């Protein structure tokens, strides 16, 4: 009899129907008026901006919309995605490159800011467009590590033996199909000085269907310890589907952390911050960072003053267990690490 051939580590793609998450991605809401209609809201008086939507298009998965409160024009999830006139008002100190990405470029799609770490801009795609995004003006078309089959990016890392951790970012790296991710990590596995992999992603929160069998199998097979840094800003971003996705990720052995941004009108109260930490912990996620807003052009209306941020952080520390208190930080271009407040 003919012995069975061993299964390949990463099976070749078939011509079957695309994964469900990709269809849900395509079905995302892209029209601000459709979004408001779904919530029973009238656009009049909300300051909806066609110019802001043209500059940085609305995109929000329908499952995330379902977590918004019907009829609430101040809903904290809605505020994160709705393009407003405020975005088009120039504000002193708010720039196109708020965190100095351009100056930190080390190779095609590779950013080097901190010792021992390299960040790969894996893609410019996201399942959701957050209005405060510090890379909303980033030139993804020219600066994506996936170009040329990852060769330039991987070569940059291979040639710098001081790099022991790779951070996949974007965009959202998990917007890439799993075979594409495997192509990258297979190449990185040949770099002997890599010891850790980190993934920065919002997809398990905004599109939990992305955590499918293929992604879980890929994650579990990686040769390094993996940290998945999620991004949720409000407790109501978690629901039963998100909980299930995060349980699957934890089952691979990955460490789950959350980084949030302090946002006016979203989570700028001690009640909201405490609920976020507690709800995330209930889903198996530890708080990591609470970022002061990166001062990117178009996001000034989200900014919380430093004195308010410090007061909220003190009040949070007095209310919850120490391991539920994220570090309050700001990213400053040129600094060797996040700057504590």
C-alpha atoms as a PDB file:
ATOM      1  CA  UNK A   1       0.000   0.000   0.000  1.00  0.00           C
ATOM      2  CA  UNK A   2       1.099   3.594  -0.602  1.00  0.00           C
ATOM      3  CA  UNK A   3       1.860   5.384   2.677  1.00  0.00           C
ATOM      4  CA  UNK A   4       0.003   8.623   3.282  1.00  0.00           C
ATOM      5  CA  UNK A   5       2.071  11.733   2.691  1.00  0.00           C
ATOM      6  CA  UNK A   6       2.535  13.945   5.745  1.00  0.00           C
ATOM      7  CA  UNK A   7       0.159  16.879   5.858  1.00  0.00           C
ATOM      8  CA  UNK A   8       1.836  20.176   4.956  1.00  0.00           C
ATOM      9  CA  UNK A   9       2.331  22.601   7.821  1.00  0.00           C
ATOM     10  CA  UNK A  10       0.231  25.171   5.954  1.00  0.00           C
ATOM     11  CA  UNK A  11      -2.190  23.497   3.514  1.00  0.00           C
ATOM     12  CA  UNK A  12      -2.526  25.044   0.083  1.00  0.00           C
ATOM     13  CA  UNK A  13      -5.613  27.231  -0.314  1.00  0.00           C
ATOM     14  CA  UNK A  14      -8.618  25.716  -2.052  1.00  0.00           C
ATOM     15  CA  UNK A  15     -11.318  27.284  -4.186  1.00  0.00           C
ATOM     16  CA  UNK A  16     -13.976  26.867  -1.502  1.00  0.00           C
ATOM     17  CA  UNK A  17     -16.147  29.758  -0.409  1.00  0.00           C
ATOM     18  CA  UNK A  18     -14.232  32.472   1.460  1.00  0.00           C
ATOM     19  CA  UNK A  19     -14.230  32.313   5.267  1.00  0.00           C
ATOM     20  CA  UNK A  20     -17.296  33.804   6.917  1.00  0.00           C
ATOM     21  CA  UNK A  21     -15.288  36.638   8.468  1.00  0.00           C
ATOM     22  CA  UNK A  22     -14.284  37.881   5.033  1.00  0.00           C
ATOM     23  CA  UNK A  23     -17.920  38.105   3.948  1.00  0.00           C
ATOM     24  CA  UNK A  24     -18.807  39.962   7.143  1.00  0.00           C
ATOM     25  CA  UNK A  25     -15.892  42.288   6.441  1.00  0.00           C
ATOM     26  CA  UNK A  26     -17.285  43.046   2.987  1.00  0.00           C
ATOM     27  CA  UNK A  27     -20.733  43.677   4.475  1.00  0.00           C
ATOM     28  CA  UNK A  28     -19.446  46.421   6.815  1.00  0.00           C
ATOM     29  CA  UNK A  29     -21.426  49.663   7.030  1.00  0.00           C
ATOM     30  CA  UNK A  30     -19.781  52.386   4.947  1.00  0.00           C
ATOM     31  CA  UNK A  31     -22.461  55.093   4.772  1.00  0.00           C
ATOM     32  CA  UNK A  32     -22.875  57.355   7.837  1.00  0.00           C
ATOM     33  CA  UNK A  33     -26.560  57.808   7.107  1.00  0.00           C
ATOM     34  CA  UNK A  34     -27.153  54.081   6.909  1.00  0.00           C
ATOM     35  CA  UNK A  35     -25.399  53.715  10.261  1.00  0.00           C
ATOM     36  CA  UNK A  36     -27.579  56.379  11.847  1.00  0.00           C
ATOM     37  CA  UNK A  37     -30.715  54.867  10.331  1.00  0.00           C
ATOM     38  CA  UNK A  38     -29.833  51.490  11.846  1.00  0.00           C
ATOM     39  CA  UNK A  39     -29.693  53.220  15.243  1.00  0.00           C
ATOM     40  CA  UNK A  40     -32.919  55.187  14.768  1.00  0.00           C
ATOM     41  CA  UNK A  41     -31.056  58.498  14.659  1.00  0.00           C
ATOM     42  CA  UNK A  42     -31.524  61.566  12.471  1.00  0.00           C
ATOM     43  CA  UNK A  43     -28.353  63.024  10.963  1.00  0.00           C
ATOM     44  CA  UNK A  44     -29.617  66.568  11.518  1.00  0.00           C
ATOM     45  CA  UNK A  45     -27.669  68.356  14.227  1.00  0.00           C
ATOM     46  CA  UNK A  46     -25.038  65.655  14.606  1.00  0.00           C
ATOM     47  CA  UNK A  47     -22.398  67.473  12.543  1.00  0.00           C
ATOM     48  CA  UNK A  48     -21.862  64.647  10.062  1.00  0.00           C
ATOM     49  CA  UNK A  49     -19.058  65.575   7.660  1.00  0.00           C
ATOM     50  CA  UNK A  50     -18.990  64.397   4.066  1.00  0.00           C
ATOM     51  CA  UNK A  51     -15.463  65.805   3.780  1.00  0.00           C
ATOM     52  CA  UNK A  52     -14.223  63.819   6.777  1.00  0.00           C
ATOM     53  CA  UNK A  53     -15.840  60.670   5.387  1.00  0.00           C
ATOM     54  CA  UNK A  54     -14.180  61.272   2.021  1.00  0.00           C
ATOM     55  CA  UNK A  55     -10.771  61.803   3.629  1.00  0.00           C
ATOM     56  CA  UNK A  56     -11.051  58.803   5.986  1.00  0.00           C
ATOM     57  CA  UNK A  57     -14.012  56.597   5.011  1.00  0.00           C
ATOM     58  CA  UNK A  58     -16.454  55.144   7.500  1.00  0.00           C
ATOM     59  CA  UNK A  59     -16.125  51.404   7.999  1.00  0.00           C
ATOM     60  CA  UNK A  60     -17.750  49.496  10.840  1.00  0.00           C
ATOM     61  CA  UNK A  61     -18.808  45.819  11.033  1.00  0.00           C
ATOM     62  CA  UNK A  62     -22.501  45.256  11.571  1.00  0.00           C
ATOM     63  CA  UNK A  63     -21.832  43.138  14.641  1.00  0.00           C
ATOM     64  CA  UNK A  64     -20.129  46.123  16.260  1.00  0.00           C
ATOM     65  CA  UNK A  65     -23.075  48.344  15.310  1.00  0.00           C
ATOM     66  CA  UNK A  66     -25.361  45.859  17.099  1.00  0.00           C
ATOM     67  CA  UNK A  67     -23.564  46.712  20.371  1.00  0.00           C
ATOM     68  CA  UNK A  68     -24.454  50.403  20.036  1.00  0.00           C
ATOM     69  CA  UNK A  69     -27.462  51.751  21.954  1.00  0.00           C
ATOM     70  CA  UNK A  70     -30.443  52.371  19.722  1.00  0.00           C
ATOM     71  CA  UNK A  71     -31.527  56.009  19.736  1.00  0.00           C
ATOM     72  CA  UNK A  72     -28.454  57.250  21.668  1.00  0.00           C
ATOM     73  CA  UNK A  73     -26.609  59.926  19.707  1.00  0.00           C
ATOM     74  CA  UNK A  74     -23.930  59.987  22.444  1.00  0.00           C
ATOM     75  CA  UNK A  75     -23.259  56.257  22.374  1.00  0.00           C
ATOM     76  CA  UNK A  76     -19.517  55.732  23.086  1.00  0.00           C
ATOM     77  CA  UNK A  77     -19.131  53.096  20.375  1.00  0.00           C
ATOM     78  CA  UNK A  78     -20.844  55.305  17.794  1.00  0.00           C
ATOM     79  CA  UNK A  79     -18.632  58.256  18.707  1.00  0.00           C
ATOM     80  CA  UNK A  80     -15.516  56.240  17.863  1.00  0.00           C
ATOM     81  CA  UNK A  81     -16.540  55.731  14.227  1.00  0.00           C
ATOM     82  CA  UNK A  82     -18.820  58.599  13.144  1.00  0.00           C
ATOM     83  CA  UNK A  83     -17.137  61.175  10.826  1.00  0.00           C
ATOM     84  CA  UNK A  84     -17.823  64.672  12.155  1.00  0.00           C
ATOM     85  CA  UNK A  85     -17.187  68.274  11.145  1.00  0.00           C
ATOM     86  CA  UNK A  86     -14.788  68.537  14.107  1.00  0.00           C
ATOM     87  CA  UNK A  87     -12.259  66.448  12.161  1.00  0.00           C
ATOM     88  CA  UNK A  88     -11.885  69.111   9.484  1.00  0.00           C
ATOM     89  CA  UNK A  89     -10.955  71.959  11.848  1.00  0.00           C
ATOM     90  CA  UNK A  90      -7.170  72.530  11.858  1.00  0.00           C
ATOM     91  CA  UNK A  91      -5.788  72.549  15.411  1.00  0.00           C
ATOM     92  CA  UNK A  92      -2.319  73.715  16.497  1.00  0.00           C
ATOM     93  CA  UNK A  93      -0.066  70.835  17.513  1.00  0.00           C
ATOM     94  CA  UNK A  94      -2.040  68.187  15.618  1.00  0.00           C
ATOM     95  CA  UNK A  95      -0.030  66.747  12.719  1.00  0.00           C
ATOM     96  CA  UNK A  96      -0.199  64.097  10.004  1.00  0.00           C
ATOM     97  CA  UNK A  97       2.491  61.939  11.673  1.00  0.00           C
ATOM     98  CA  UNK A  98       1.810  62.299  15.376  1.00  0.00           C
ATOM     99  CA  UNK A  99       4.198  59.613  16.640  1.00  0.00           C
ATOM    100  CA  UNK A 100       7.176  59.995  14.306  1.00  0.00           C
ATOM    101  CA  UNK A 101       6.681  56.862  12.216  1.00  0.00           C
ATOM    102  CA  UNK A 102       8.392  58.375   9.166  1.00  0.00           C
ATOM    103  CA  UNK A 103      11.578  59.192  11.043  1.00  0.00           C
ATOM    104  CA  UNK A 104      11.703  55.693  12.560  1.00  0.00           C
ATOM    105  CA  UNK A 105      11.563  53.814   9.256  1.00  0.00           C
ATOM    106  CA  UNK A 106      14.266  51.129   9.150  1.00  0.00           C
ATOM    107  CA  UNK A 107      13.237  49.253   6.003  1.00  0.00           C
ATOM    108  CA  UNK A 108      10.267  48.685   3.751  1.00  0.00           C
ATOM    109  CA  UNK A 109       7.326  48.563   6.167  1.00  0.00           C
ATOM    110  CA  UNK A 110       9.652  48.249   9.177  1.00  0.00           C
ATOM    111  CA  UNK A 111       9.652  50.785  12.029  1.00  0.00           C
ATOM    112  CA  UNK A 112      12.359  50.811  14.713  1.00  0.00           C
ATOM    113  CA  UNK A 113      11.627  52.994  17.737  1.00  0.00           C
ATOM    114  CA  UNK A 114      12.549  50.904  20.762  1.00  0.00           C
ATOM    115  CA  UNK A 115      15.539  48.765  21.593  1.00  0.00           C
ATOM    116  CA  UNK A 116      15.192  45.097  20.628  1.00  0.00           C
ATOM    117  CA  UNK A 117      11.880  45.508  18.829  1.00  0.00           C
ATOM    118  CA  UNK A 118      10.854  45.926  15.213  1.00  0.00           C
ATOM    119  CA  UNK A 119       7.322  46.806  14.154  1.00  0.00           C
ATOM    120  CA  UNK A 120       6.049  45.556  10.810  1.00  0.00           C
ATOM    121  CA  UNK A 121       3.328  47.491   9.018  1.00  0.00           C
ATOM    122  CA  UNK A 122       1.746  44.274   7.770  1.00  0.00           C
ATOM    123  CA  UNK A 123      -1.142  45.934   5.930  1.00  0.00           C
ATOM    124  CA  UNK A 124      -3.092  49.163   5.754  1.00  0.00           C
ATOM    125  CA  UNK A 125      -6.477  47.439   6.038  1.00  0.00           C
ATOM    126  CA  UNK A 126      -8.698  47.526   9.130  1.00  0.00           C
ATOM    127  CA  UNK A 127     -12.159  46.106   9.761  1.00  0.00           C
ATOM    128  CA  UNK A 128     -13.114  49.343  11.517  1.00  0.00           C
ATOM    129  CA  UNK A 129     -11.988  52.910  10.985  1.00  0.00           C
ATOM    130  CA  UNK A 130     -11.507  54.590  14.342  1.00  0.00           C
ATOM    131  CA  UNK A 131     -11.699  58.358  13.958  1.00  0.00           C
ATOM    132  CA  UNK A 132      -8.811  58.953  16.401  1.00  0.00           C
ATOM    133  CA  UNK A 133      -6.436  56.558  14.575  1.00  0.00           C
ATOM    134  CA  UNK A 134      -2.865  57.878  14.731  1.00  0.00           C
ATOM    135  CA  UNK A 135      -2.124  56.293  11.325  1.00  0.00           C
ATOM    136  CA  UNK A 136      -5.161  57.695   9.532  1.00  0.00           C
ATOM    137  CA  UNK A 137      -2.790  59.642   7.240  1.00  0.00           C
ATOM    138  CA  UNK A 138      -0.090  56.957   6.938  1.00  0.00           C
ATOM    139  CA  UNK A 139       1.140  56.257   3.346  1.00  0.00           C
ATOM    140  CA  UNK A 140       0.266  52.563   3.390  1.00  0.00           C
ATOM    141  CA  UNK A 141       0.536  52.203  -0.379  1.00  0.00           C
ATOM    142  CA  UNK A 142       4.277  52.898  -0.183  1.00  0.00           C
ATOM    143  CA  UNK A 143       5.082  51.500   3.269  1.00  0.00           C
ATOM    144  CA  UNK A 144       3.654  48.006   3.721  1.00  0.00           C
ATOM    145  CA  UNK A 145       5.907  45.146   4.796  1.00  0.00           C
ATOM    146  CA  UNK A 146       3.915  42.651   2.711  1.00  0.00           C
ATOM    147  CA  UNK A 147       5.327  44.145  -0.476  1.00  0.00           C
ATOM    148  CA  UNK A 148       7.638  41.835  -2.449  1.00  0.00           C
ATOM    149  CA  UNK A 149       6.517  38.807  -0.454  1.00  0.00           C
ATOM    150  CA  UNK A 150       7.872  40.226   2.822  1.00  0.00           C
ATOM    151  CA  UNK A 151      11.452  39.860   1.540  1.00  0.00           C
ATOM    152  CA  UNK A 152      12.679  43.380   2.325  1.00  0.00           C
ATOM    153  CA  UNK A 153      11.081  43.454   5.764  1.00  0.00           C
ATOM    154  CA  UNK A 154      12.406  40.035   6.778  1.00  0.00           C
ATOM    155  CA  UNK A 155      15.868  40.892   5.457  1.00  0.00           C
ATOM    156  CA  UNK A 156      15.915  44.056   7.588  1.00  0.00           C
ATOM    157  CA  UNK A 157      15.180  41.973  10.679  1.00  0.00           C
ATOM    158  CA  UNK A 158      17.587  39.184   9.756  1.00  0.00           C
ATOM    159  CA  UNK A 159      20.415  41.685   9.319  1.00  0.00           C
ATOM    160  CA  UNK A 160      19.944  43.296  12.735  1.00  0.00           C
ATOM    161  CA  UNK A 161      20.766  40.801  15.463  1.00  0.00           C
ATOM    162  CA  UNK A 162      19.697  43.265  18.191  1.00  0.00           C
ATOM    163  CA  UNK A 163      16.047  42.595  17.249  1.00  0.00           C
ATOM    164  CA  UNK A 164      14.552  39.824  19.384  1.00  0.00           C
ATOM    165  CA  UNK A 165      10.865  40.760  19.149  1.00  0.00           C
ATOM    166  CA  UNK A 166       8.700  41.433  16.100  1.00  0.00           C
ATOM    167  CA  UNK A 167       5.436  43.353  16.426  1.00  0.00           C
ATOM    168  CA  UNK A 168       2.813  42.889  13.719  1.00  0.00           C
ATOM    169  CA  UNK A 169       0.792  46.055  13.296  1.00  0.00           C
ATOM    170  CA  UNK A 170      -0.908  48.035  10.578  1.00  0.00           C
ATOM    171  CA  UNK A 171      -3.686  48.659   9.803  1.00  0.00           C
ATOM    172  CA  UNK A 172      -4.664  45.374  11.390  1.00  0.00           C
ATOM    173  CA  UNK A 173      -2.415  42.388  10.646  1.00  0.00           C
ATOM    174  CA  UNK A 174      -5.289  39.958  11.145  1.00  0.00           C
ATOM    175  CA  UNK A 175      -7.100  41.546   8.228  1.00  0.00           C
ATOM    176  CA  UNK A 176      -4.693  39.471   6.117  1.00  0.00           C
ATOM    177  CA  UNK A 177      -5.781  35.977   5.128  1.00  0.00           C
ATOM    178  CA  UNK A 178      -4.234  33.296   7.331  1.00  0.00           C
ATOM    179  CA  UNK A 179      -2.078  31.803   4.501  1.00  0.00           C
ATOM    180  CA  UNK A 180      -0.565  35.270   4.034  1.00  0.00           C
ATOM    181  CA  UNK A 181       0.217  35.474   7.747  1.00  0.00           C
ATOM    182  CA  UNK A 182       1.762  32.005   7.590  1.00  0.00           C
ATOM    183  CA  UNK A 183       3.932  33.124   4.680  1.00  0.00           C
ATOM    184  CA  UNK A 184       5.351  35.868   6.896  1.00  0.00           C
ATOM    185  CA  UNK A 185       5.851  33.805  10.036  1.00  0.00           C
ATOM    186  CA  UNK A 186       7.422  30.948   8.048  1.00  0.00           C
ATOM    187  CA  UNK A 187      10.002  33.459   6.800  1.00  0.00           C
ATOM    188  CA  UNK A 188      10.537  34.911  10.281  1.00  0.00           C
ATOM    189  CA  UNK A 189      11.008  31.416  11.730  1.00  0.00           C
ATOM    190  CA  UNK A 190      14.317  31.242   9.839  1.00  0.00           C
ATOM    191  CA  UNK A 191      15.655  34.273  11.768  1.00  0.00           C
ATOM    192  CA  UNK A 192      17.585  32.745  14.684  1.00  0.00           C
ATOM    193  CA  UNK A 193      17.692  35.777  16.971  1.00  0.00           C
ATOM    194  CA  UNK A 194      13.896  36.247  17.206  1.00  0.00           C
ATOM    195  CA  UNK A 195      12.494  35.218  20.598  1.00  0.00           C
ATOM    196  CA  UNK A 196       9.017  36.728  20.757  1.00  0.00           C
ATOM    197  CA  UNK A 197       6.118  37.693  18.508  1.00  0.00           C
ATOM    198  CA  UNK A 198       3.532  40.328  19.313  1.00  0.00           C
ATOM    199  CA  UNK A 199       0.338  41.061  17.376  1.00  0.00           C
ATOM    200  CA  UNK A 200      -1.554  44.337  17.714  1.00  0.00           C
ATOM    201  CA  UNK A 201      -5.131  43.776  16.579  1.00  0.00           C
ATOM    202  CA  UNK A 202      -8.650  45.117  17.022  1.00  0.00           C
ATOM    203  CA  UNK A 203     -10.284  42.366  14.961  1.00  0.00           C
ATOM    204  CA  UNK A 204     -11.151  39.900  17.775  1.00  0.00           C
ATOM    205  CA  UNK A 205     -13.135  42.748  19.363  1.00  0.00           C
ATOM    206  CA  UNK A 206     -14.821  44.313  16.334  1.00  0.00           C
ATOM    207  CA  UNK A 207     -15.100  41.183  14.138  1.00  0.00           C
ATOM    208  CA  UNK A 208     -14.733  38.157  16.449  1.00  0.00           C
ATOM    209  CA  UNK A 209     -15.556  35.783  13.587  1.00  0.00           C
ATOM    210  CA  UNK A 210     -11.979  36.385  12.399  1.00  0.00           C
ATOM    211  CA  UNK A 211     -10.819  34.006  15.138  1.00  0.00           C
ATOM    212  CA  UNK A 212     -11.618  30.915  13.080  1.00  0.00           C
ATOM    213  CA  UNK A 213     -10.101  27.426  12.979  1.00  0.00           C
ATOM    214  CA  UNK A 214      -7.376  28.415  10.524  1.00  0.00           C
ATOM    215  CA  UNK A 215      -6.216  31.389  12.576  1.00  0.00           C
ATOM    216  CA  UNK A 216      -6.193  29.380  15.805  1.00  0.00           C
ATOM    217  CA  UNK A 217      -4.195  26.566  14.206  1.00  0.00           C
ATOM    218  CA  UNK A 218      -1.672  29.026  12.793  1.00  0.00           C
ATOM    219  CA  UNK A 219      -1.302  30.805  16.135  1.00  0.00           C
ATOM    220  CA  UNK A 220      -0.880  27.594  18.122  1.00  0.00           C
ATOM    221  CA  UNK A 221       1.857  26.335  15.777  1.00  0.00           C
ATOM    222  CA  UNK A 222       4.100  29.404  16.003  1.00  0.00           C
ATOM    223  CA  UNK A 223       7.577  28.716  17.402  1.00  0.00           C
ATOM    224  CA  UNK A 224       7.722  31.732  19.748  1.00  0.00           C
ATOM    225  CA  UNK A 225       5.812  32.925  22.808  1.00  0.00           C
ATOM    226  CA  UNK A 226       3.024  35.124  21.429  1.00  0.00           C
ATOM    227  CA  UNK A 227       1.397  38.188  22.981  1.00  0.00           C
ATOM    228  CA  UNK A 228      -1.830  39.464  21.432  1.00  0.00           C
ATOM    229  CA  UNK A 229      -2.448  43.110  22.269  1.00  0.00           C
ATOM    230  CA  UNK A 230      -6.115  43.915  21.730  1.00  0.00           C
ATOM    231  CA  UNK A 231      -7.709  47.331  21.474  1.00  0.00           C
ATOM    232  CA  UNK A 232     -10.993  48.012  23.256  1.00  0.00           C
ATOM    233  CA  UNK A 233     -11.947  51.390  24.700  1.00  0.00           C
ATOM    234  CA  UNK A 234     -15.291  50.644  26.349  1.00  0.00           C
ATOM    235  CA  UNK A 235     -16.791  47.734  28.252  1.00  0.00           C
ATOM    236  CA  UNK A 236     -19.685  47.411  25.790  1.00  0.00           C
ATOM    237  CA  UNK A 237     -17.266  46.460  23.038  1.00  0.00           C
ATOM    238  CA  UNK A 238     -17.244  43.014  24.664  1.00  0.00           C
ATOM    239  CA  UNK A 239     -20.110  40.578  24.134  1.00  0.00           C
ATOM    240  CA  UNK A 240     -20.581  36.797  24.113  1.00  0.00           C
ATOM    241  CA  UNK A 241     -19.083  36.430  20.623  1.00  0.00           C
ATOM    242  CA  UNK A 242     -15.991  38.405  21.646  1.00  0.00           C
ATOM    243  CA  UNK A 243     -15.691  36.322  24.832  1.00  0.00           C
ATOM    244  CA  UNK A 244     -15.750  33.122  22.775  1.00  0.00           C
ATOM    245  CA  UNK A 245     -13.120  34.432  20.347  1.00  0.00           C
ATOM    246  CA  UNK A 246     -10.829  35.454  23.198  1.00  0.00           C
ATOM    247  CA  UNK A 247     -11.250  32.058  24.864  1.00  0.00           C
ATOM    248  CA  UNK A 248     -10.069  30.429  21.631  1.00  0.00           C
ATOM    249  CA  UNK A 249      -7.036  32.716  21.531  1.00  0.00           C
ATOM    250  CA  UNK A 250      -6.166  31.937  25.141  1.00  0.00           C
ATOM    251  CA  UNK A 251      -6.410  28.255  24.278  1.00  0.00           C
ATOM    252  CA  UNK A 252      -3.404  28.636  21.961  1.00  0.00           C
ATOM    253  CA  UNK A 253      -1.263  29.762  24.895  1.00  0.00           C
ATOM    254  CA  UNK A 254      -1.163  33.404  23.787  1.00  0.00           C
ATOM    255  CA  UNK A 255      -1.035  36.130  26.411  1.00  0.00           C
ATOM    256  CA  UNK A 256      -3.903  38.618  25.927  1.00  0.00           C
ATOM    257  CA  UNK A 257      -3.464  42.291  26.841  1.00  0.00           C
ATOM    258  CA  UNK A 258      -5.583  45.350  26.113  1.00  0.00           C
ATOM    259  CA  UNK A 259      -4.514  48.842  25.236  1.00  0.00           C
ATOM    260  CA  UNK A 260      -7.079  51.623  25.237  1.00  0.00           C
ATOM    261  CA  UNK A 261      -7.018  55.283  24.286  1.00  0.00           C
ATOM    262  CA  UNK A 262      -8.461  57.844  26.683  1.00  0.00           C
ATOM    263  CA  UNK A 263     -11.166  59.535  24.593  1.00  0.00           C
ATOM    264  CA  UNK A 264     -13.439  62.432  25.441  1.00  0.00           C
ATOM    265  CA  UNK A 265     -17.046  61.321  25.259  1.00  0.00           C
ATOM    266  CA  UNK A 266     -16.109  57.630  25.160  1.00  0.00           C
ATOM    267  CA  UNK A 267     -14.342  56.548  28.347  1.00  0.00           C
ATOM    268  CA  UNK A 268     -13.332  59.736  30.185  1.00  0.00           C
ATOM    269  CA  UNK A 269     -14.901  58.763  33.519  1.00  0.00           C
ATOM    270  CA  UNK A 270     -13.694  56.503  36.283  1.00  0.00           C
ATOM    271  CA  UNK A 271     -16.872  54.423  35.945  1.00  0.00           C
ATOM    272  CA  UNK A 272     -16.158  53.748  32.260  1.00  0.00           C
ATOM    273  CA  UNK A 273     -12.488  52.936  32.870  1.00  0.00           C
ATOM    274  CA  UNK A 274     -13.252  50.603  35.774  1.00  0.00           C
ATOM    275  CA  UNK A 275     -15.935  48.817  33.769  1.00  0.00           C
ATOM    276  CA  UNK A 276     -13.510  48.406  30.854  1.00  0.00           C
ATOM    277  CA  UNK A 277     -10.803  46.844  33.032  1.00  0.00           C
ATOM    278  CA  UNK A 278     -13.246  44.561  34.833  1.00  0.00           C
ATOM    279  CA  UNK A 279     -15.084  43.462  31.696  1.00  0.00           C
ATOM    280  CA  UNK A 280     -11.844  42.801  29.869  1.00  0.00           C
ATOM    281  CA  UNK A 281     -10.504  40.742  32.779  1.00  0.00           C
ATOM    282  CA  UNK A 282     -13.712  38.702  32.821  1.00  0.00           C
ATOM    283  CA  UNK A 283     -12.888  37.814  29.199  1.00  0.00           C
ATOM    284  CA  UNK A 284      -9.317  36.851  30.090  1.00  0.00           C
ATOM    285  CA  UNK A 285      -7.604  40.091  29.055  1.00  0.00           C
ATOM    286  CA  UNK A 286      -5.289  42.133  31.282  1.00  0.00           C
ATOM    287  CA  UNK A 287      -5.097  45.937  30.986  1.00  0.00           C
ATOM    288  CA  UNK A 288      -1.788  47.052  29.479  1.00  0.00           C
ATOM    289  CA  UNK A 289      -1.762  50.705  28.408  1.00  0.00           C
ATOM    290  CA  UNK A 290      -4.158  53.618  28.667  1.00  0.00           C
ATOM    291  CA  UNK A 291      -2.831  56.009  26.029  1.00  0.00           C
ATOM    292  CA  UNK A 292      -3.224  59.719  26.026  1.00  0.00           C
ATOM    293  CA  UNK A 293      -4.449  60.674  22.560  1.00  0.00           C
ATOM    294  CA  UNK A 294      -1.841  60.775  19.816  1.00  0.00           C
ATOM    295  CA  UNK A 295      -2.176  64.285  18.402  1.00  0.00           C
ATOM    296  CA  UNK A 296      -3.012  63.323  14.849  1.00  0.00           C
ATOM    297  CA  UNK A 297      -4.741  65.805  12.578  1.00  0.00           C
ATOM    298  CA  UNK A 298      -8.511  65.242  12.733  1.00  0.00           C
ATOM    299  CA  UNK A 299      -8.706  63.861  16.286  1.00  0.00           C
ATOM    300  CA  UNK A 300      -8.468  66.959  18.502  1.00  0.00           C
ATOM    301  CA  UNK A 301     -12.103  66.677  19.627  1.00  0.00           C
ATOM    302  CA  UNK A 302     -11.234  63.425  21.436  1.00  0.00           C
ATOM    303  CA  UNK A 303      -8.442  64.911  23.567  1.00  0.00           C
ATOM    304  CA  UNK A 304      -8.644  64.754  27.373  1.00  0.00           C
ATOM    305  CA  UNK A 305      -6.422  67.212  29.315  1.00  0.00           C
ATOM    306  CA  UNK A 306      -3.462  65.695  31.152  1.00  0.00           C
ATOM    307  CA  UNK A 307      -4.701  66.859  34.549  1.00  0.00           C
ATOM    308  CA  UNK A 308      -8.017  65.084  33.951  1.00  0.00           C
ATOM    309  CA  UNK A 309      -6.240  61.957  32.755  1.00  0.00           C
ATOM    310  CA  UNK A 310      -4.057  61.879  35.875  1.00  0.00           C
ATOM    311  CA  UNK A 311      -7.046  62.368  38.160  1.00  0.00           C
ATOM    312  CA  UNK A 312      -8.978  59.573  36.453  1.00  0.00           C
ATOM    313  CA  UNK A 313      -5.968  57.276  36.706  1.00  0.00           C
ATOM    314  CA  UNK A 314      -5.644  57.957  40.455  1.00  0.00           C
ATOM    315  CA  UNK A 315      -9.351  57.337  40.974  1.00  0.00           C
ATOM    316  CA  UNK A 316      -9.153  54.107  38.970  1.00  0.00           C
ATOM    317  CA  UNK A 317      -6.216  52.881  41.089  1.00  0.00           C
ATOM    318  CA  UNK A 318      -8.248  53.571  44.232  1.00  0.00           C
ATOM    319  CA  UNK A 319     -11.220  51.608  42.926  1.00  0.00           C
ATOM    320  CA  UNK A 320      -9.904  48.396  41.313  1.00  0.00           C
ATOM    321  CA  UNK A 321      -7.207  45.831  42.036  1.00  0.00           C
ATOM    322  CA  UNK A 322      -3.707  46.867  41.015  1.00  0.00           C
ATOM    323  CA  UNK A 323      -3.506  44.374  38.163  1.00  0.00           C
ATOM    324  CA  UNK A 324      -6.572  46.015  36.621  1.00  0.00           C
ATOM    325  CA  UNK A 325      -4.891  49.443  36.375  1.00  0.00           C
ATOM    326  CA  UNK A 326      -3.265  50.052  32.973  1.00  0.00           C
ATOM    327  CA  UNK A 327      -0.179  52.233  32.665  1.00  0.00           C
ATOM    328  CA  UNK A 328      -1.113  55.787  31.702  1.00  0.00           C
ATOM    329  CA  UNK A 329       1.290  56.743  28.914  1.00  0.00           C
ATOM    330  CA  UNK A 330       1.916  58.989  25.965  1.00  0.00           C
ATOM    331  CA  UNK A 331       3.964  58.186  22.877  1.00  0.00           C
ATOM    332  CA  UNK A 332       6.415  60.968  22.042  1.00  0.00           C
ATOM    333  CA  UNK A 333       8.348  60.896  18.786  1.00  0.00           C
ATOM    334  CA  UNK A 334      12.002  60.123  19.438  1.00  0.00           C
ATOM    335  CA  UNK A 335      11.542  58.760  22.969  1.00  0.00           C
ATOM    336  CA  UNK A 336      13.129  55.343  23.710  1.00  0.00           C
ATOM    337  CA  UNK A 337       9.830  54.037  25.117  1.00  0.00           C
ATOM    338  CA  UNK A 338       6.310  55.052  26.064  1.00  0.00           C
ATOM    339  CA  UNK A 339       6.419  58.085  28.377  1.00  0.00           C
ATOM    340  CA  UNK A 340       4.558  57.562  31.680  1.00  0.00           C
ATOM    341  CA  UNK A 341       2.345  60.401  32.834  1.00  0.00           C
END
